[in-house]
């Protein structure tokens, strides 16, 4: 996990589409520009859905890791 780089950590493990994406968007909206959000998700659809959201909104996916079924996204708000 990335936790030492994130300003906020969002745990959406156990939630299914569309909740991880909706909660990620809400968390990004609460960030200041250039702050970093770390999202932990277990829904396999998140692997495509969260990067698509970021692309649409113009935010940066800094990193993506998958460990033991948990996807960890590191997102920088633009």
C-alpha atoms as a PDB file:
ATOM      1  CA  UNK A   1       0.000   0.000   0.000  1.00  0.00           C
ATOM      2  CA  UNK A   2       1.024   3.619  -0.487  1.00  0.00           C
ATOM      3  CA  UNK A   3      -0.358   5.192   2.705  1.00  0.00           C
ATOM      4  CA  UNK A   4       2.669   7.381   3.449  1.00  0.00           C
ATOM      5  CA  UNK A   5       2.082   9.356   0.212  1.00  0.00           C
ATOM      6  CA  UNK A   6      -1.663  10.010   0.611  1.00  0.00           C
ATOM      7  CA  UNK A   7      -3.448  12.948   2.225  1.00  0.00           C
ATOM      8  CA  UNK A   8      -6.640  10.879   2.539  1.00  0.00           C
ATOM      9  CA  UNK A   9      -7.282   7.133   2.419  1.00  0.00           C
ATOM     10  CA  UNK A  10     -10.648   5.876   1.177  1.00  0.00           C
ATOM     11  CA  UNK A  11     -11.624   2.281   1.949  1.00  0.00           C
ATOM     12  CA  UNK A  12     -14.312   0.983  -0.411  1.00  0.00           C
ATOM     13  CA  UNK A  13     -13.457  -2.691   0.008  1.00  0.00           C
ATOM     14  CA  UNK A  14     -16.541  -4.902  -0.187  1.00  0.00           C
ATOM     15  CA  UNK A  15     -18.558  -2.349  -2.159  1.00  0.00           C
ATOM     16  CA  UNK A  16     -19.702  -3.054  -5.709  1.00  0.00           C
ATOM     17  CA  UNK A  17     -20.263  -0.881  -8.766  1.00  0.00           C
ATOM     18  CA  UNK A  18     -21.138   1.950  -8.811  1.00  0.00           C
ATOM     19  CA  UNK A  19     -20.315   2.717  -5.148  1.00  0.00           C
ATOM     20  CA  UNK A  20     -16.476   2.683  -5.389  1.00  0.00           C
ATOM     21  CA  UNK A  21     -16.603   5.198  -8.249  1.00  0.00           C
ATOM     22  CA  UNK A  22     -19.207   7.416  -6.568  1.00  0.00           C
ATOM     23  CA  UNK A  23     -17.320   7.466  -3.267  1.00  0.00           C
ATOM     24  CA  UNK A  24     -14.021   8.111  -5.071  1.00  0.00           C
ATOM     25  CA  UNK A  25     -15.510  11.106  -6.893  1.00  0.00           C
ATOM     26  CA  UNK A  26     -16.908  12.499  -3.633  1.00  0.00           C
ATOM     27  CA  UNK A  27     -13.511  12.104  -1.931  1.00  0.00           C
ATOM     28  CA  UNK A  28     -11.703  13.793  -4.847  1.00  0.00           C
ATOM     29  CA  UNK A  29     -14.167  16.692  -4.692  1.00  0.00           C
ATOM     30  CA  UNK A  30     -13.215  17.210  -1.023  1.00  0.00           C
ATOM     31  CA  UNK A  31      -9.480  17.424  -1.803  1.00  0.00           C
ATOM     32  CA  UNK A  32      -7.515  20.584  -2.491  1.00  0.00           C
ATOM     33  CA  UNK A  33      -5.636  20.725  -5.830  1.00  0.00           C
ATOM     34  CA  UNK A  34      -2.430  18.655  -5.830  1.00  0.00           C
ATOM     35  CA  UNK A  35      -3.519  16.616  -2.805  1.00  0.00           C
ATOM     36  CA  UNK A  36      -3.372  12.828  -3.052  1.00  0.00           C
ATOM     37  CA  UNK A  37      -6.117  10.289  -2.426  1.00  0.00           C
ATOM     38  CA  UNK A  38      -5.484   6.599  -1.891  1.00  0.00           C
ATOM     39  CA  UNK A  39      -8.407   4.277  -2.659  1.00  0.00           C
ATOM     40  CA  UNK A  40      -8.594   0.613  -1.591  1.00  0.00           C
ATOM     41  CA  UNK A  41     -11.171  -1.418  -3.542  1.00  0.00           C
ATOM     42  CA  UNK A  42     -12.011  -5.084  -4.016  1.00  0.00           C
ATOM     43  CA  UNK A  43     -14.530  -4.776  -6.866  1.00  0.00           C
ATOM     44  CA  UNK A  44     -12.700  -5.992 -10.023  1.00  0.00           C
ATOM     45  CA  UNK A  45     -14.675  -3.474 -12.111  1.00  0.00           C
ATOM     46  CA  UNK A  46     -12.874  -0.685 -10.233  1.00  0.00           C
ATOM     47  CA  UNK A  47      -9.701  -1.502 -12.164  1.00  0.00           C
ATOM     48  CA  UNK A  48     -11.308  -0.015 -15.294  1.00  0.00           C
ATOM     49  CA  UNK A  49     -13.946   2.257 -13.749  1.00  0.00           C
ATOM     50  CA  UNK A  50     -11.748   4.434 -11.526  1.00  0.00           C
ATOM     51  CA  UNK A  51      -9.145   5.217 -14.238  1.00  0.00           C
ATOM     52  CA  UNK A  52     -12.039   6.039 -16.614  1.00  0.00           C
ATOM     53  CA  UNK A  53     -13.463   8.445 -14.014  1.00  0.00           C
ATOM     54  CA  UNK A  54     -10.083  10.133 -13.574  1.00  0.00           C
ATOM     55  CA  UNK A  55      -9.628  10.485 -17.307  1.00  0.00           C
ATOM     56  CA  UNK A  56     -13.055  12.069 -17.659  1.00  0.00           C
ATOM     57  CA  UNK A  57     -12.452  14.489 -14.761  1.00  0.00           C
ATOM     58  CA  UNK A  58      -8.833  15.315 -15.619  1.00  0.00           C
ATOM     59  CA  UNK A  59      -7.182  13.970 -12.466  1.00  0.00           C
ATOM     60  CA  UNK A  60      -3.982  11.900 -12.445  1.00  0.00           C
ATOM     61  CA  UNK A  61      -3.633   8.225 -11.601  1.00  0.00           C
ATOM     62  CA  UNK A  62      -0.209   8.202  -9.966  1.00  0.00           C
ATOM     63  CA  UNK A  63      -0.128   4.494  -9.207  1.00  0.00           C
ATOM     64  CA  UNK A  64      -2.102   1.262  -9.176  1.00  0.00           C
ATOM     65  CA  UNK A  65      -1.201  -1.835  -7.167  1.00  0.00           C
ATOM     66  CA  UNK A  66      -3.010  -5.100  -6.668  1.00  0.00           C
ATOM     67  CA  UNK A  67      -2.187  -7.193  -3.605  1.00  0.00           C
ATOM     68  CA  UNK A  68      -4.226 -10.128  -2.329  1.00  0.00           C
ATOM     69  CA  UNK A  69      -7.342  -9.048  -4.214  1.00  0.00           C
ATOM     70  CA  UNK A  70      -7.181  -5.421  -3.071  1.00  0.00           C
ATOM     71  CA  UNK A  71      -6.705  -2.723  -5.688  1.00  0.00           C
ATOM     72  CA  UNK A  72      -4.893   0.380  -4.409  1.00  0.00           C
ATOM     73  CA  UNK A  73      -5.181   3.523  -6.483  1.00  0.00           C
ATOM     74  CA  UNK A  74      -3.060   6.596  -5.838  1.00  0.00           C
ATOM     75  CA  UNK A  75      -4.811   9.667  -7.290  1.00  0.00           C
ATOM     76  CA  UNK A  76      -3.592  13.273  -7.518  1.00  0.00           C
ATOM     77  CA  UNK A  77      -6.228  15.966  -7.844  1.00  0.00           C
ATOM     78  CA  UNK A  78      -5.574  18.525 -10.567  1.00  0.00           C
END
